[in-house]
Amino acid sequence: TGKNVQNYMAIVLDDKVMGQPPVIIQAIGAR
């Protein structure tokens, strides 16, 4: 996520994108 700040992150399950991808606002760790 640190490399992709301000990019969109698709959440994929069974080769389908689940809803519109959210924007990565900041590097995210374990939480």
PDB file of all heavy atoms in Angstrom:
ATOM      1  N   THR A   1       0.833  -1.203   0.000  1.00  0.00           N
ATOM      2  CA  THR A   1       0.000   0.000   0.000  1.00  0.00           C
ATOM      3  C   THR A   1       0.866   1.252   0.000  1.00  0.00           C
ATOM      4  O   THR A   1       0.484   2.270  -0.562  1.00  0.00           O
ATOM      5  CB  THR A   1      -0.986   0.025   1.188  1.00  0.00           C
ATOM      6  OG1 THR A   1      -0.265  -0.120   2.423  1.00  0.00           O
ATOM      7  CG2 THR A   1      -2.034  -1.065   1.056  1.00  0.00           C
ATOM      8  N   GLY A   2       2.053   1.175   0.601  1.00  0.00           N
ATOM      9  CA  GLY A   2       2.979   2.311   0.570  1.00  0.00           C
ATOM     10  C   GLY A   2       3.407   2.657  -0.849  1.00  0.00           C
ATOM     11  O   GLY A   2       3.635   3.816  -1.182  1.00  0.00           O
ATOM     12  N   LYS A   3       3.509   1.638  -1.710  1.00  0.00           N
ATOM     13  CA  LYS A   3       3.887   1.860  -3.107  1.00  0.00           C
ATOM     14  C   LYS A   3       2.713   2.353  -3.948  1.00  0.00           C
ATOM     15  O   LYS A   3       2.914   2.804  -5.073  1.00  0.00           O
ATOM     16  CB  LYS A   3       4.387   0.553  -3.728  1.00  0.00           C
ATOM     17  CG  LYS A   3       5.635  -0.017  -3.134  1.00  0.00           C
ATOM     18  CD  LYS A   3       5.918  -1.358  -3.784  1.00  0.00           C
ATOM     19  CE  LYS A   3       6.901  -2.180  -2.986  1.00  0.00           C
ATOM     20  NZ  LYS A   3       7.016  -3.546  -3.517  1.00  0.00           N
ATOM     21  N   ASN A   4       1.495   2.206  -3.439  1.00  0.00           N
ATOM     22  CA  ASN A   4       0.302   2.479  -4.251  1.00  0.00           C
ATOM     23  C   ASN A   4      -0.630   3.523  -3.650  1.00  0.00           C
ATOM     24  O   ASN A   4      -1.836   3.504  -3.917  1.00  0.00           O
ATOM     25  CB  ASN A   4      -0.469   1.167  -4.474  1.00  0.00           C
ATOM     26  CG  ASN A   4       0.267   0.243  -5.403  1.00  0.00           C
ATOM     27  OD1 ASN A   4       0.350   0.500  -6.588  1.00  0.00           O
ATOM     28  ND2 ASN A   4       0.818  -0.823  -4.847  1.00  0.00           N
ATOM     29  N   VAL A   5      -0.094   4.451  -2.853  1.00  0.00           N
ATOM     30  CA  VAL A   5      -0.925   5.513  -2.282  1.00  0.00           C
ATOM     31  C   VAL A   5      -1.558   6.313  -3.414  1.00  0.00           C
ATOM     32  O   VAL A   5      -0.912   6.615  -4.422  1.00  0.00           O
ATOM     33  CB  VAL A   5      -0.078   6.419  -1.350  1.00  0.00           C
ATOM     34  CG1 VAL A   5      -0.864   7.637  -0.903  1.00  0.00           C
ATOM     35  CG2 VAL A   5       0.403   5.623  -0.145  1.00  0.00           C
ATOM     36  N   GLN A   6      -2.832   6.630  -3.281  1.00  0.00           N
ATOM     37  CA  GLN A   6      -3.669   7.339  -4.254  1.00  0.00           C
ATOM     38  C   GLN A   6      -4.071   6.481  -5.452  1.00  0.00           C
ATOM     39  O   GLN A   6      -4.666   6.984  -6.397  1.00  0.00           O
ATOM     40  CB  GLN A   6      -3.018   8.651  -4.717  1.00  0.00           C
ATOM     41  CG  GLN A   6      -2.832   9.661  -3.599  1.00  0.00           C
ATOM     42  CD  GLN A   6      -4.146  10.008  -2.887  1.00  0.00           C
ATOM     43  OE1 GLN A   6      -5.150  10.251  -3.516  1.00  0.00           O
ATOM     44  NE2 GLN A   6      -4.116  10.020  -1.562  1.00  0.00           N
ATOM     45  N   ASN A   7      -3.772   5.202  -5.435  1.00  0.00           N
ATOM     46  CA  ASN A   7      -4.256   4.286  -6.465  1.00  0.00           C
ATOM     47  C   ASN A   7      -5.484   3.557  -5.928  1.00  0.00           C
ATOM     48  O   ASN A   7      -5.749   3.556  -4.728  1.00  0.00           O
ATOM     49  CB  ASN A   7      -3.183   3.261  -6.842  1.00  0.00           C
ATOM     50  CG  ASN A   7      -2.066   3.878  -7.653  1.00  0.00           C
ATOM     51  OD1 ASN A   7      -2.258   4.882  -8.328  1.00  0.00           O
ATOM     52  ND2 ASN A   7      -0.894   3.280  -7.577  1.00  0.00           N
ATOM     53  N   TYR A   8      -6.203   2.903  -6.819  1.00  0.00           N
ATOM     54  CA  TYR A   8      -7.375   2.127  -6.429  1.00  0.00           C
ATOM     55  C   TYR A   8      -6.957   0.687  -6.150  1.00  0.00           C
ATOM     56  O   TYR A   8      -6.043   0.171  -6.780  1.00  0.00           O
ATOM     57  CB  TYR A   8      -8.426   2.160  -7.544  1.00  0.00           C
ATOM     58  CG  TYR A   8      -9.012   3.538  -7.724  1.00  0.00           C
ATOM     59  CD1 TYR A   8      -8.411   4.474  -8.557  1.00  0.00           C
ATOM     60  CD2 TYR A   8     -10.158   3.909  -7.050  1.00  0.00           C
ATOM     61  CE1 TYR A   8      -8.938   5.741  -8.712  1.00  0.00           C
ATOM     62  CE2 TYR A   8     -10.693   5.174  -7.196  1.00  0.00           C
ATOM     63  CZ  TYR A   8     -10.083   6.081  -8.028  1.00  0.00           C
ATOM     64  OH  TYR A   8     -10.612   7.332  -8.176  1.00  0.00           O
ATOM     65  N   MET A   9      -7.646   0.051  -5.205  1.00  0.00           N
ATOM     66  CA  MET A   9      -7.325  -1.327  -4.824  1.00  0.00           C
ATOM     67  C   MET A   9      -8.577  -2.178  -4.984  1.00  0.00           C
ATOM     68  O   MET A   9      -9.543  -2.025  -4.234  1.00  0.00           O
ATOM     69  CB  MET A   9      -6.846  -1.365  -3.372  1.00  0.00           C
ATOM     70  CG  MET A   9      -6.521  -2.760  -2.895  1.00  0.00           C
ATOM     71  SD  MET A   9      -6.010  -2.790  -1.165  1.00  0.00           S
ATOM     72  CE  MET A   9      -7.500  -2.266  -0.351  1.00  0.00           C
ATOM     73  N   ALA A  10      -8.567  -3.050  -5.965  1.00  0.00           N
ATOM     74  CA  ALA A  10      -9.719  -3.921  -6.204  1.00  0.00           C
ATOM     75  C   ALA A  10      -9.734  -5.050  -5.185  1.00  0.00           C
ATOM     76  O   ALA A  10      -8.695  -5.618  -4.856  1.00  0.00           O
ATOM     77  CB  ALA A  10      -9.659  -4.489  -7.614  1.00  0.00           C
ATOM     78  N   ILE A  11     -10.914  -5.366  -4.705  1.00  0.00           N
ATOM     79  CA  ILE A  11     -11.113  -6.512  -3.825  1.00  0.00           C
ATOM     80  C   ILE A  11     -11.757  -7.587  -4.691  1.00  0.00           C
ATOM     81  O   ILE A  11     -12.852  -7.400  -5.219  1.00  0.00           O
ATOM     82  CB  ILE A  11     -11.997  -6.131  -2.633  1.00  0.00           C
ATOM     83  CG1 ILE A  11     -11.316  -5.026  -1.827  1.00  0.00           C
ATOM     84  CG2 ILE A  11     -12.283  -7.357  -1.776  1.00  0.00           C
ATOM     85  CD1 ILE A  11     -12.206  -4.344  -0.826  1.00  0.00           C
ATOM     86  N   VAL A  12     -11.053  -8.702  -4.857  1.00  0.00           N
ATOM     87  CA  VAL A  12     -11.464  -9.728  -5.806  1.00  0.00           C
ATOM     88  C   VAL A  12     -11.779 -11.023  -5.069  1.00  0.00           C
ATOM     89  O   VAL A  12     -11.009 -11.467  -4.222  1.00  0.00           O
ATOM     90  CB  VAL A  12     -10.353  -9.978  -6.855  1.00  0.00           C
ATOM     91  CG1 VAL A  12     -10.730 -11.069  -7.829  1.00  0.00           C
ATOM     92  CG2 VAL A  12     -10.015  -8.690  -7.590  1.00  0.00           C
ATOM     93  N   LEU A  13     -12.928 -11.603  -5.393  1.00  0.00           N
ATOM     94  CA  LEU A  13     -13.325 -12.905  -4.874  1.00  0.00           C
ATOM     95  C   LEU A  13     -13.883 -13.704  -6.036  1.00  0.00           C
ATOM     96  O   LEU A  13     -14.768 -13.223  -6.757  1.00  0.00           O
ATOM     97  CB  LEU A  13     -14.379 -12.761  -3.765  1.00  0.00           C
ATOM     98  CG  LEU A  13     -14.893 -14.063  -3.156  1.00  0.00           C
ATOM     99  CD1 LEU A  13     -13.775 -14.775  -2.387  1.00  0.00           C
ATOM    100  CD2 LEU A  13     -16.076 -13.802  -2.241  1.00  0.00           C
ATOM    101  N   ASP A  14     -13.362 -14.907  -6.244  1.00  0.00           N
ATOM    102  CA  ASP A  14     -13.804 -15.778  -7.331  1.00  0.00           C
ATOM    103  C   ASP A  14     -13.746 -15.073  -8.693  1.00  0.00           C
ATOM    104  O   ASP A  14     -14.674 -15.148  -9.496  1.00  0.00           O
ATOM    105  CB  ASP A  14     -15.221 -16.303  -7.074  1.00  0.00           C
ATOM    106  CG  ASP A  14     -15.298 -17.184  -5.845  1.00  0.00           C
ATOM    107  OD1 ASP A  14     -14.270 -17.789  -5.494  1.00  0.00           O
ATOM    108  OD2 ASP A  14     -16.382 -17.261  -5.239  1.00  0.00           O
ATOM    109  N   ASP A  15     -12.653 -14.367  -8.940  1.00  0.00           N
ATOM    110  CA  ASP A  15     -12.416 -13.659 -10.203  1.00  0.00           C
ATOM    111  C   ASP A  15     -13.459 -12.607 -10.526  1.00  0.00           C
ATOM    112  O   ASP A  15     -13.716 -12.295 -11.686  1.00  0.00           O
ATOM    113  CB  ASP A  15     -12.285 -14.645 -11.373  1.00  0.00           C
ATOM    114  CG  ASP A  15     -11.021 -15.469 -11.280  1.00  0.00           C
ATOM    115  OD1 ASP A  15     -10.015 -14.952 -10.763  1.00  0.00           O
ATOM    116  OD2 ASP A  15     -11.029 -16.626 -11.728  1.00  0.00           O
ATOM    117  N   LYS A  16     -14.071 -12.021  -9.517  1.00  0.00           N
ATOM    118  CA  LYS A  16     -15.017 -10.911  -9.685  1.00  0.00           C
ATOM    119  C   LYS A  16     -14.598  -9.787  -8.740  1.00  0.00           C
ATOM    120  O   LYS A  16     -14.234 -10.028  -7.592  1.00  0.00           O
ATOM    121  CB  LYS A  16     -16.442 -11.345  -9.364  1.00  0.00           C
ATOM    122  CG  LYS A  16     -16.977 -12.388 -10.328  1.00  0.00           C
ATOM    123  CD  LYS A  16     -18.446 -12.241 -10.502  1.00  0.00           C
ATOM    124  CE  LYS A  16     -19.049 -13.265 -11.415  1.00  0.00           C
ATOM    125  NZ  LYS A  16     -18.471 -13.411 -12.692  1.00  0.00           N
ATOM    126  N   VAL A  17     -14.655  -8.562  -9.241  1.00  0.00           N
ATOM    127  CA  VAL A  17     -14.338  -7.394  -8.423  1.00  0.00           C
ATOM    128  C   VAL A  17     -15.572  -7.066  -7.590  1.00  0.00           C
ATOM    129  O   VAL A  17     -16.664  -6.874  -8.117  1.00  0.00           O
ATOM    130  CB  VAL A  17     -13.916  -6.199  -9.303  1.00  0.00           C
ATOM    131  CG1 VAL A  17     -13.685  -4.955  -8.462  1.00  0.00           C
ATOM    132  CG2 VAL A  17     -12.662  -6.547 -10.095  1.00  0.00           C
ATOM    133  N   MET A  18     -15.382  -7.007  -6.287  1.00  0.00           N
ATOM    134  CA  MET A  18     -16.487  -6.810  -5.352  1.00  0.00           C
ATOM    135  C   MET A  18     -16.673  -5.318  -5.092  1.00  0.00           C
ATOM    136  O   MET A  18     -15.975  -4.727  -4.281  1.00  0.00           O
ATOM    137  CB  MET A  18     -16.221  -7.548  -4.037  1.00  0.00           C
ATOM    138  CG  MET A  18     -15.856  -9.018  -4.221  1.00  0.00           C
ATOM    139  SD  MET A  18     -16.982  -9.966  -5.253  1.00  0.00           S
ATOM    140  CE  MET A  18     -18.412 -10.037  -4.236  1.00  0.00           C
ATOM    141  N   GLY A  19     -17.600  -4.705  -5.792  1.00  0.00           N
ATOM    142  CA  GLY A  19     -17.879  -3.281  -5.617  1.00  0.00           C
ATOM    143  C   GLY A  19     -16.801  -2.423  -6.235  1.00  0.00           C
ATOM    144  O   GLY A  19     -15.775  -2.906  -6.707  1.00  0.00           O
ATOM    145  N   GLN A  20     -17.038  -1.118  -6.244  1.00  0.00           N
ATOM    146  CA  GLN A  20     -16.059  -0.199  -6.819  1.00  0.00           C
ATOM    147  C   GLN A  20     -14.822  -0.148  -5.929  1.00  0.00           C
ATOM    148  O   GLN A  20     -14.923   0.009  -4.717  1.00  0.00           O
ATOM    149  CB  GLN A  20     -16.655   1.193  -6.969  1.00  0.00           C
ATOM    150  CG  GLN A  20     -15.803   2.085  -7.826  1.00  0.00           C
ATOM    151  CD  GLN A  20     -16.468   3.407  -8.123  1.00  0.00           C
ATOM    152  OE1 GLN A  20     -16.940   4.060  -7.210  1.00  0.00           O
ATOM    153  NE2 GLN A  20     -16.519   3.782  -9.387  1.00  0.00           N
ATOM    154  N   PRO A  21     -13.644  -0.297  -6.511  1.00  0.00           N
ATOM    155  CA  PRO A  21     -12.411  -0.314  -5.710  1.00  0.00           C
ATOM    156  C   PRO A  21     -12.198   0.977  -4.927  1.00  0.00           C
ATOM    157  O   PRO A  21     -12.388   2.066  -5.458  1.00  0.00           O
ATOM    158  CB  PRO A  21     -11.314  -0.492  -6.757  1.00  0.00           C
ATOM    159  CG  PRO A  21     -11.997  -1.145  -7.907  1.00  0.00           C
ATOM    160  CD  PRO A  21     -13.387  -0.570  -7.918  1.00  0.00           C
ATOM    161  N   PRO A  22     -11.812   0.857  -3.645  1.00  0.00           N
ATOM    162  CA  PRO A  22     -11.503   2.054  -2.852  1.00  0.00           C
ATOM    163  C   PRO A  22     -10.105   2.590  -3.167  1.00  0.00           C
ATOM    164  O   PRO A  22      -9.263   1.877  -3.699  1.00  0.00           O
ATOM    165  CB  PRO A  22     -11.574   1.539  -1.414  1.00  0.00           C
ATOM    166  CG  PRO A  22     -11.245   0.082  -1.513  1.00  0.00           C
ATOM    167  CD  PRO A  22     -11.762  -0.369  -2.859  1.00  0.00           C
ATOM    168  N   VAL A  23      -9.872   3.846  -2.809  1.00  0.00           N
ATOM    169  CA  VAL A  23      -8.576   4.498  -2.991  1.00  0.00           C
ATOM    170  C   VAL A  23      -7.714   4.228  -1.751  1.00  0.00           C
ATOM    171  O   VAL A  23      -8.204   4.292  -0.626  1.00  0.00           O
ATOM    172  CB  VAL A  23      -8.743   6.025  -3.165  1.00  0.00           C
ATOM    173  CG1 VAL A  23      -7.398   6.725  -3.250  1.00  0.00           C
ATOM    174  CG2 VAL A  23      -9.565   6.335  -4.389  1.00  0.00           C
ATOM    175  N   ILE A  24      -6.439   3.949  -1.975  1.00  0.00           N
ATOM    176  CA  ILE A  24      -5.500   3.802  -0.861  1.00  0.00           C
ATOM    177  C   ILE A  24      -5.063   5.204  -0.464  1.00  0.00           C
ATOM    178  O   ILE A  24      -4.434   5.909  -1.246  1.00  0.00           O
ATOM    179  CB  ILE A  24      -4.284   2.944  -1.257  1.00  0.00           C
ATOM    180  CG1 ILE A  24      -4.747   1.535  -1.681  1.00  0.00           C
ATOM    181  CG2 ILE A  24      -3.277   2.881  -0.116  1.00  0.00           C
ATOM    182  CD1 ILE A  24      -3.658   0.694  -2.293  1.00  0.00           C
ATOM    183  N   ILE A  25      -5.405   5.617   0.755  1.00  0.00           N
ATOM    184  CA  ILE A  25      -5.098   6.973   1.211  1.00  0.00           C
ATOM    185  C   ILE A  25      -3.720   7.047   1.844  1.00  0.00           C
ATOM    186  O   ILE A  25      -3.014   8.029   1.705  1.00  0.00           O
ATOM    187  CB  ILE A  25      -6.182   7.458   2.195  1.00  0.00           C
ATOM    188  CG1 ILE A  25      -7.518   7.525   1.456  1.00  0.00           C
ATOM    189  CG2 ILE A  25      -5.827   8.805   2.794  1.00  0.00           C
ATOM    190  CD1 ILE A  25      -8.701   7.823   2.326  1.00  0.00           C
ATOM    191  N   GLN A  26      -3.330   6.002   2.544  1.00  0.00           N
ATOM    192  CA  GLN A  26      -2.015   5.972   3.188  1.00  0.00           C
ATOM    193  C   GLN A  26      -1.571   4.528   3.302  1.00  0.00           C
ATOM    194  O   GLN A  26      -2.369   3.624   3.132  1.00  0.00           O
ATOM    195  CB  GLN A  26      -2.078   6.621   4.573  1.00  0.00           C
ATOM    196  CG  GLN A  26      -2.980   5.864   5.541  1.00  0.00           C
ATOM    197  CD  GLN A  26      -3.177   6.613   6.845  1.00  0.00           C
ATOM    198  OE1 GLN A  26      -3.115   7.814   6.878  1.00  0.00           O
ATOM    199  NE2 GLN A  26      -3.413   5.886   7.906  1.00  0.00           N
ATOM    200  N   ALA A  27      -0.278   4.318   3.587  1.00  0.00           N
ATOM    201  CA  ALA A  27       0.227   2.966   3.788  1.00  0.00           C
ATOM    202  C   ALA A  27      -0.501   2.355   4.979  1.00  0.00           C
ATOM    203  O   ALA A  27      -0.649   2.992   6.012  1.00  0.00           O
ATOM    204  CB  ALA A  27       1.728   2.986   4.023  1.00  0.00           C
ATOM    205  N   ILE A  28      -0.979   1.150   4.797  1.00  0.00           N
ATOM    206  CA  ILE A  28      -1.772   0.478   5.823  1.00  0.00           C
ATOM    207  C   ILE A  28      -0.991  -0.733   6.303  1.00  0.00           C
ATOM    208  O   ILE A  28      -0.479  -1.500   5.495  1.00  0.00           O
ATOM    209  CB  ILE A  28      -3.133   0.035   5.245  1.00  0.00           C
ATOM    210  CG1 ILE A  28      -3.871   1.233   4.663  1.00  0.00           C
ATOM    211  CG2 ILE A  28      -3.972  -0.655   6.301  1.00  0.00           C
ATOM    212  CD1 ILE A  28      -5.047   0.859   3.788  1.00  0.00           C
ATOM    213  N   GLY A  29      -0.942  -0.929   7.595  1.00  0.00           N
ATOM    214  CA  GLY A  29      -0.247  -2.076   8.161  1.00  0.00           C
ATOM    215  C   GLY A  29      -1.196  -3.207   8.469  1.00  0.00           C
ATOM    216  O   GLY A  29      -2.045  -3.576   7.672  1.00  0.00           O
ATOM    217  N   ALA A  30      -1.068  -3.758   9.682  1.00  0.00           N
ATOM    218  CA  ALA A  30      -1.868  -4.914  10.075  1.00  0.00           C
ATOM    219  C   ALA A  30      -3.330  -4.558  10.292  1.00  0.00           C
ATOM    220  O   ALA A  30      -4.194  -5.413  10.189  1.00  0.00           O
ATOM    221  CB  ALA A  30      -1.291  -5.539  11.340  1.00  0.00           C
ATOM    222  N   ARG A  31      -3.626  -3.307  10.609  1.00  0.00           N
ATOM    223  CA  ARG A  31      -5.009  -2.862  10.796  1.00  0.00           C
ATOM    224  C   ARG A  31      -5.318  -1.754   9.801  1.00  0.00           C
ATOM    225  O   ARG A  31      -4.496  -0.891   9.557  1.00  0.00           O
ATOM    226  CB  ARG A  31      -5.221  -2.316  12.206  1.00  0.00           C
ATOM    227  CG  ARG A  31      -5.130  -3.356  13.273  1.00  0.00           C
ATOM    228  CD  ARG A  31      -5.331  -2.720  14.652  1.00  0.00           C
ATOM    229  NE  ARG A  31      -5.303  -3.726  15.664  1.00  0.00           N
ATOM    230  CZ  ARG A  31      -6.375  -4.395  16.094  1.00  0.00           C
ATOM    231  NH1 ARG A  31      -7.561  -4.115  15.609  1.00  0.00           N
ATOM    232  NH2 ARG A  31      -6.274  -5.313  17.020  1.00  0.00           N
TER     233      ARG A  31
END
